[in-house]
């Protein structure tokens, strides 16, 4: 028989659970032994919502000859460093955090086939009798900002003639660089049109020559037009829902000039969050609620989450929308202890969602 009690009556077992703060969830096996009084304390999770924004940052750096770009290339460029931001995508997801108000003790006896449980490093129940590892996608990423990719421009100097370095003014340097740029372009066109005496011998040789010429053209052009460093940044903004619906609350802010901002930073345009419950567990009458609580005392308790439609809106358009499971809209349920009794030598394995506390799978292992 499996006995469960509120862990406030079993604080001595809390030392079995390491309350870690790492960003990535780890699952550990906890063996039930005589030394632990054949019991283990576990926690049910409470759901948190995370909005994940993928933002592209572009930093433009003007070239050293940018003041002459209009004269020689007929291009107007800004002479100052300029940074811009753009939201590429936004998604919604849920993560689970330990609900310290719902901790339980699983106590096993010899008639059961539940010799061990698996908890996360924060004490959330993951499996009973399960041999499988934590499913991908159930880990709890808690970082708030991380660079996912970065593109650096080619800042190799072109093979300019010696006169460029010896030039006594920017104006003369610009004239020499422009002459070199147009010479490179002319050589490229001559090879493409076959108007040179010594053409490359084969296709691979031509490819290498053209690649070199185009690189030189780009490097010479960069002196006038500058270049751009680009990186993709992932921002994570958390939200703690309640059991109530919300409409258009300011969730975060964004500025094309300075990127993602907190709610209090008025330099950004608001990103609004709305939440509407689509599945909600109704409250039971007092008599039925007491009966249910008594049933929970003798069982393994898990969550049956509700569901809500969550949307994010920015500048009048929806940038993210998803239906998410929320424990705040659900209820506690009981898993019958008899399912763990010995049955022809087979063990029943149960897996739980560490984000919501719901049952993921029940199978024989």
Protein backbone atom coordinates (compact mmCIF):
# COMPACT_ATOMS: atom_id res chain seq x y z
CA UNK A 1 0.00 0.00 0.00
CA UNK A 2 1.27 3.50 -0.78
CA UNK A 3 0.81 6.12 1.91
CA UNK A 4 1.02 9.88 1.17
CA UNK A 5 1.15 12.67 3.72
CA UNK A 6 1.82 16.38 3.53
CA UNK A 7 5.59 16.71 3.72
CA UNK A 8 5.31 19.22 6.52
CA UNK A 9 5.04 16.11 8.66
CA UNK A 10 8.15 14.60 7.02
CA UNK A 11 10.71 17.39 6.91
CA UNK A 12 13.45 14.91 7.63
CA UNK A 13 13.17 13.58 4.08
CA UNK A 14 13.67 16.94 2.42
CA UNK A 15 17.43 16.46 2.51
CA UNK A 16 16.97 13.90 -0.27
CA UNK A 17 16.06 16.63 -2.73
CA UNK A 18 18.69 19.07 -3.97
CA UNK A 19 17.01 22.40 -4.66
CA UNK A 20 19.17 23.52 -7.57
CA UNK A 21 19.10 26.78 -9.47
CA UNK A 22 20.72 25.57 -12.69
CA UNK A 23 19.15 26.67 -15.94
CA UNK A 24 18.77 23.14 -17.24
CA UNK A 25 16.58 20.62 -15.49
CA UNK A 26 18.24 17.40 -14.38
CA UNK A 27 16.49 14.21 -13.35
CA UNK A 28 17.96 11.97 -10.69
CA UNK A 29 17.00 8.55 -9.43
CA UNK A 30 16.05 8.33 -5.76
CA UNK A 31 16.06 4.79 -4.40
CA UNK A 32 13.59 3.91 -1.70
CA UNK A 33 15.47 2.20 1.11
CA UNK A 34 15.20 1.49 4.79
CA UNK A 35 17.49 4.45 5.51
CA UNK A 36 14.91 6.80 3.97
CA UNK A 37 12.02 5.15 5.84
CA UNK A 38 10.87 3.76 2.48
CA UNK A 39 9.58 7.16 1.45
CA UNK A 40 10.36 10.13 -0.72
CA UNK A 41 9.10 13.72 -0.76
CA UNK A 42 8.02 15.20 -4.08
CA UNK A 43 6.54 18.46 -5.24
CA UNK A 44 3.93 19.26 -7.82
CA UNK A 45 4.79 22.02 -10.29
CA UNK A 46 3.00 25.29 -10.81
CA UNK A 47 2.93 26.56 -14.39
CA UNK A 48 4.71 29.67 -15.54
CA UNK A 49 4.40 31.18 -19.02
CA UNK A 50 7.49 32.23 -20.94
CA UNK A 51 7.44 34.40 -24.04
CA UNK A 52 10.52 33.78 -26.19
CA UNK A 53 11.46 36.61 -28.55
CA UNK A 54 13.99 36.15 -31.35
CA UNK A 55 15.39 39.61 -32.14
CA UNK A 56 17.84 40.57 -34.86
CA UNK A 57 20.34 43.26 -33.93
CA UNK A 58 22.17 45.10 -36.71
CA UNK A 59 25.09 47.41 -35.96
CA UNK A 60 26.19 49.54 -38.93
CA UNK A 61 29.75 50.89 -38.85
CA UNK A 62 30.59 53.57 -41.45
CA UNK A 63 33.65 53.13 -43.66
CA UNK A 64 36.71 55.29 -43.25
CA UNK A 65 35.91 56.94 -46.61
CA UNK A 66 32.14 57.19 -46.07
CA UNK A 67 32.23 60.93 -46.69
CA UNK A 68 33.14 60.25 -50.34
CA UNK A 69 30.59 57.47 -51.03
CA UNK A 70 28.19 59.85 -52.75
CA UNK A 71 30.92 61.32 -54.98
CA UNK A 72 32.45 58.06 -56.22
CA UNK A 73 29.64 55.50 -55.80
CA UNK A 74 26.57 57.73 -55.98
CA UNK A 75 25.47 56.32 -52.60
CA UNK A 76 24.46 58.31 -49.56
CA UNK A 77 25.52 56.67 -46.29
CA UNK A 78 25.32 57.75 -42.69
CA UNK A 79 28.64 58.80 -41.16
CA UNK A 80 27.64 57.53 -37.70
CA UNK A 81 27.37 54.12 -36.07
CA UNK A 82 23.75 53.00 -36.13
CA UNK A 83 22.07 50.12 -34.28
CA UNK A 84 18.63 48.77 -35.17
CA UNK A 85 16.49 45.91 -33.85
CA UNK A 86 13.78 43.75 -35.40
CA UNK A 87 11.54 41.08 -33.88
CA UNK A 88 11.92 38.01 -36.09
CA UNK A 89 9.63 35.69 -34.17
CA UNK A 90 7.93 35.21 -30.83
CA UNK A 91 6.64 32.02 -29.24
CA UNK A 92 4.87 31.06 -26.04
CA UNK A 93 5.68 28.08 -23.85
CA UNK A 94 5.17 26.85 -20.30
CA UNK A 95 7.66 25.76 -17.65
CA UNK A 96 7.11 24.27 -14.23
CA UNK A 97 8.36 25.67 -10.94
CA UNK A 98 8.10 23.80 -7.63
CA UNK A 99 4.90 24.55 -5.78
CA UNK A 100 6.05 24.47 -2.16
CA UNK A 101 2.44 24.52 -0.96
CA UNK A 102 1.88 21.09 -2.54
CA UNK A 103 4.52 18.67 -1.30
CA UNK A 104 3.77 15.02 -0.65
CA UNK A 105 5.42 11.96 0.83
CA UNK A 106 5.36 8.67 -1.04
CA UNK A 107 5.91 5.81 1.40
CA UNK A 108 6.30 2.32 -0.11
CA UNK A 109 5.85 -1.06 1.49
CA UNK A 110 6.96 -4.51 0.36
CA UNK A 111 3.74 -5.26 -1.53
CA UNK A 112 4.35 -2.59 -4.12
CA UNK A 113 6.49 -2.66 -7.22
CA UNK A 114 7.55 0.99 -6.99
CA UNK A 115 11.14 0.71 -5.75
CA UNK A 116 12.23 4.14 -6.93
CA UNK A 117 11.05 7.49 -8.20
CA UNK A 118 12.74 10.14 -10.30
CA UNK A 119 12.66 13.79 -9.31
CA UNK A 120 14.08 16.86 -10.97
CA UNK A 121 16.85 18.72 -9.18
CA UNK A 122 14.13 20.96 -7.74
CA UNK A 123 12.08 18.10 -6.35
CA UNK A 124 9.35 17.87 -9.01
CA UNK A 125 8.10 14.34 -9.64
CA UNK A 126 9.07 13.01 -13.07
CA UNK A 127 8.43 9.26 -12.95
CA UNK A 128 7.64 6.25 -10.78
CA UNK A 129 9.27 3.01 -11.91
CA UNK A 130 10.26 4.74 -15.16
CA UNK A 131 13.51 3.84 -16.85
CA UNK A 132 13.29 6.52 -19.53
CA UNK A 133 15.14 9.82 -19.52
CA UNK A 134 13.58 13.25 -19.38
CA UNK A 135 11.91 14.06 -22.72
CA UNK A 136 13.42 16.83 -24.79
CA UNK A 137 11.35 19.98 -24.59
CA UNK A 138 10.56 19.54 -20.90
CA UNK A 139 13.71 21.24 -19.66
CA UNK A 140 13.31 24.61 -17.94
CA UNK A 141 15.40 27.28 -19.60
CA UNK A 142 15.58 30.20 -17.20
CA UNK A 143 18.09 32.52 -18.85
CA UNK A 144 16.67 35.88 -19.90
CA UNK A 145 18.98 36.80 -22.79
CA UNK A 146 21.38 34.81 -24.96
CA UNK A 147 23.07 35.32 -28.33
CA UNK A 148 22.01 32.48 -30.65
CA UNK A 149 24.11 33.44 -33.68
CA UNK A 150 26.43 36.18 -34.86
CA UNK A 151 27.61 37.29 -38.31
CA UNK A 152 30.80 39.32 -38.47
CA UNK A 153 31.69 41.21 -41.68
CA UNK A 154 34.91 40.65 -43.59
CA UNK A 155 37.10 43.52 -42.43
CA UNK A 156 40.24 42.49 -44.31
CA UNK A 157 41.78 45.49 -46.02
CA UNK A 158 41.85 45.38 -49.85
CA UNK A 159 45.19 45.05 -51.64
CA UNK A 160 45.39 48.75 -52.42
CA UNK A 161 48.47 50.23 -54.16
CA UNK A 162 51.24 51.76 -52.07
CA UNK A 163 50.08 55.25 -53.05
CA UNK A 164 47.00 54.84 -50.85
CA UNK A 165 49.09 54.73 -47.67
CA UNK A 166 51.34 57.56 -48.88
CA UNK A 167 48.42 59.84 -49.77
CA UNK A 168 48.41 62.99 -47.71
CA UNK A 169 44.65 63.46 -47.44
CA UNK A 170 41.40 61.54 -47.21
CA UNK A 171 40.31 63.02 -50.53
CA UNK A 172 43.34 61.59 -52.31
CA UNK A 173 42.89 58.22 -50.55
CA UNK A 174 39.27 58.14 -51.70
CA UNK A 175 40.29 58.80 -55.30
CA UNK A 176 42.87 56.01 -55.22
CA UNK A 177 40.47 53.54 -53.56
CA UNK A 178 37.73 54.35 -56.07
CA UNK A 179 40.11 53.86 -58.98
CA UNK A 180 41.16 50.48 -57.56
CA UNK A 181 37.52 49.46 -57.02
CA UNK A 182 36.54 50.19 -60.61
CA UNK A 183 39.65 48.43 -61.90
CA UNK A 184 38.67 45.28 -59.98
CA UNK A 185 35.14 45.45 -61.37
CA UNK A 186 36.50 45.87 -64.91
CA UNK A 187 38.78 42.83 -64.51
CA UNK A 188 35.83 40.79 -63.30
CA UNK A 189 33.73 41.72 -66.33
CA UNK A 190 36.62 40.99 -68.70
CA UNK A 191 36.95 37.44 -67.34
CA UNK A 192 33.20 36.86 -67.49
CA UNK A 193 33.09 38.05 -71.10
CA UNK A 194 36.28 36.21 -72.09
CA UNK A 195 38.06 39.45 -73.03
CA UNK A 196 41.41 38.61 -71.47
CA UNK A 197 44.45 37.04 -73.09
CA UNK A 198 45.14 34.51 -70.34
CA UNK A 199 41.80 33.01 -69.41
CA UNK A 200 41.65 30.51 -66.51
CA UNK A 201 42.35 26.97 -67.74
CA UNK A 202 39.25 25.31 -66.31
CA UNK A 203 36.03 25.98 -64.42
CA UNK A 204 37.57 25.57 -60.97
CA UNK A 205 40.35 28.01 -61.77
CA UNK A 206 37.81 30.54 -63.03
CA UNK A 207 35.76 30.12 -59.87
CA UNK A 208 38.77 30.82 -57.67
CA UNK A 209 39.79 33.90 -59.68
CA UNK A 210 36.27 35.34 -59.65
CA UNK A 211 35.93 34.63 -55.94
CA UNK A 212 39.14 36.55 -55.27
CA UNK A 213 38.07 39.48 -57.41
CA UNK A 214 34.64 39.69 -55.77
CA UNK A 215 36.23 39.63 -52.32
CA UNK A 216 38.52 42.48 -53.33
CA UNK A 217 35.56 44.42 -54.71
CA UNK A 218 33.66 43.97 -51.47
CA UNK A 219 36.64 45.01 -49.35
CA UNK A 220 37.28 48.12 -51.43
CA UNK A 221 33.59 49.03 -51.43
CA UNK A 222 33.47 48.61 -47.65
CA UNK A 223 35.85 51.58 -47.30
CA UNK A 224 33.03 53.79 -48.62
CA UNK A 225 29.83 51.99 -47.62
CA UNK A 226 30.86 50.56 -44.25
CA UNK A 227 29.65 47.21 -42.96
CA UNK A 228 27.09 45.64 -40.63
CA UNK A 229 27.52 43.24 -37.74
CA UNK A 230 24.44 41.10 -37.21
CA UNK A 231 23.42 38.84 -34.35
CA UNK A 232 20.28 37.02 -33.31
CA UNK A 233 19.40 37.43 -29.64
CA UNK A 234 16.86 35.31 -27.79
CA UNK A 235 15.02 37.03 -24.95
CA UNK A 236 12.85 35.20 -22.42
CA UNK A 237 10.20 37.13 -20.52
CA UNK A 238 8.30 35.28 -17.75
CA UNK A 239 4.69 35.67 -16.68
CA UNK A 240 2.97 34.13 -13.68
CA UNK A 241 -0.69 33.52 -14.50
CA UNK A 242 -3.51 33.31 -12.00
CA UNK A 243 -6.86 31.60 -12.37
CA UNK A 244 -8.35 34.83 -13.76
CA UNK A 245 -8.57 35.99 -17.38
CA UNK A 246 -6.59 39.10 -18.34
CA UNK A 247 -6.87 41.42 -21.34
CA UNK A 248 -4.16 43.64 -22.82
CA UNK A 249 -1.82 43.95 -19.88
CA UNK A 250 1.57 45.47 -20.67
CA UNK A 251 3.85 42.45 -20.69
CA UNK A 252 7.06 43.89 -22.19
CA UNK A 253 8.19 46.69 -24.48
CA UNK A 254 10.15 46.88 -27.72
CA UNK A 255 12.02 49.64 -29.52
CA UNK A 256 13.51 49.37 -33.04
CA UNK A 257 16.36 51.56 -31.77
CA UNK A 258 17.17 49.85 -28.46
CA UNK A 259 15.57 46.39 -28.56
CA UNK A 260 13.56 44.55 -25.92
CA UNK A 261 12.65 46.56 -22.85
CA UNK A 262 11.08 45.90 -19.48
CA UNK A 263 7.57 47.01 -18.66
CA UNK A 264 8.79 50.09 -16.82
CA UNK A 265 11.03 51.36 -19.63
CA UNK A 266 8.83 53.81 -21.51
CA UNK A 267 11.32 54.12 -24.39
CA UNK A 268 9.71 51.03 -25.93
CA UNK A 269 6.28 50.41 -27.45
CA UNK A 270 4.12 48.10 -25.29
CA UNK A 271 3.69 44.41 -26.06
CA UNK A 272 0.31 43.38 -24.68
CA UNK A 273 -0.60 39.98 -23.23
CA UNK A 274 -4.11 38.55 -23.05
CA UNK A 275 -5.16 35.27 -21.44
CA UNK A 276 -8.57 33.62 -21.76
CA UNK A 277 -9.41 30.29 -20.11
CA UNK A 278 -10.76 27.72 -22.59
CA UNK A 279 -10.83 24.76 -20.16
CA UNK A 280 -11.31 25.31 -16.45
CA UNK A 281 -12.08 22.91 -13.61
CA UNK A 282 -15.21 23.99 -11.81
CA UNK A 283 -15.17 24.30 -8.03
CA UNK A 284 -16.80 21.39 -6.21
CA UNK A 285 -19.43 21.80 -3.53
CA UNK A 286 -17.97 21.78 -0.02
CA UNK A 287 -19.08 18.21 0.75
CA UNK A 288 -17.62 16.79 -2.45
CA UNK A 289 -14.43 18.78 -1.99
CA UNK A 290 -13.84 17.25 1.45
CA UNK A 291 -14.47 13.79 0.04
CA UNK A 292 -11.94 14.43 -2.70
CA UNK A 293 -9.32 15.74 -0.26
CA UNK A 294 -9.69 12.56 1.77
CA UNK A 295 -9.18 10.50 -1.37
CA UNK A 296 -6.02 12.46 -2.19
CA UNK A 297 -4.52 11.64 1.21
CA UNK A 298 -4.20 7.97 0.33
CA UNK A 299 -3.03 8.33 -3.26
CA UNK A 300 -0.30 9.69 -5.46
CA UNK A 301 -1.41 13.21 -6.26
CA UNK A 302 -0.93 14.72 -9.71
CA UNK A 303 -2.27 17.75 -11.56
CA UNK A 304 -4.98 17.85 -14.18
CA UNK A 305 -4.30 21.25 -15.80
CA UNK A 306 -6.79 23.49 -17.48
CA UNK A 307 -6.10 25.33 -20.71
CA UNK A 308 -5.94 28.96 -21.80
CA UNK A 309 -5.56 30.87 -25.05
CA UNK A 310 -2.63 33.27 -24.62
CA UNK A 311 -1.88 35.99 -27.17
CA UNK A 312 0.75 38.71 -27.57
CA UNK A 313 -0.01 41.87 -29.52
CA UNK A 314 2.42 44.54 -30.73
CA UNK A 315 1.47 47.66 -32.65
CA UNK A 316 -2.02 46.35 -33.37
CA UNK A 317 -1.00 42.91 -34.68
CA UNK A 318 -0.79 39.50 -33.06
CA UNK A 319 2.81 38.29 -32.88
CA UNK A 320 2.17 35.10 -30.89
CA UNK A 321 -0.86 33.02 -29.98
CA UNK A 322 -1.12 29.55 -28.47
CA UNK A 323 -3.26 27.36 -26.25
CA UNK A 324 -1.27 26.47 -23.16
CA UNK A 325 -1.90 24.07 -20.26
CA UNK A 326 -2.07 25.85 -16.90
CA UNK A 327 -2.18 24.23 -13.47
CA UNK A 328 -3.85 27.37 -12.14
CA UNK A 329 -6.98 26.46 -14.11
CA UNK A 330 -7.00 22.77 -13.19
CA UNK A 331 -7.28 20.54 -10.15
CA UNK A 332 -5.51 17.89 -8.11
CA UNK A 333 -6.24 14.26 -8.97
CA UNK A 334 -5.52 10.91 -7.29
CA UNK A 335 -3.64 7.99 -8.78
CA UNK A 336 -4.93 4.73 -7.28
CA UNK A 337 -2.23 3.03 -5.14
CA UNK A 338 -3.43 -0.46 -6.15
CA UNK A 339 -2.01 0.01 -9.64
CA UNK A 340 1.45 -0.46 -8.11
CA UNK A 341 0.63 -3.82 -6.51
CA UNK A 342 2.56 -6.84 -7.74
CA UNK A 343 0.99 -8.25 -10.92
CA UNK A 344 2.73 -11.27 -12.44
CA UNK A 345 6.11 -9.72 -11.85
CA UNK A 346 5.39 -6.66 -14.03
CA UNK A 347 6.00 -3.10 -12.87
CA UNK A 348 3.75 -0.20 -13.78
CA UNK A 349 5.69 2.89 -14.85
CA UNK A 350 4.12 6.35 -14.71
CA UNK A 351 5.64 9.47 -16.30
CA UNK A 352 4.63 13.01 -15.37
CA UNK A 353 4.96 16.34 -17.15
CA UNK A 354 7.33 18.44 -15.02
CA UNK A 355 5.79 21.62 -16.44
CA UNK A 356 2.24 20.88 -15.33
CA UNK A 357 2.29 17.77 -13.14
CA UNK A 358 -0.05 15.94 -15.54
CA UNK A 359 0.37 12.27 -16.44
CA UNK A 360 2.28 11.84 -19.69
CA UNK A 361 2.24 8.06 -19.95
CA UNK A 362 1.41 4.88 -18.03
CA UNK A 363 2.92 1.62 -19.25
CA UNK A 364 4.36 -1.70 -18.18
CA UNK A 365 8.15 -1.84 -17.98
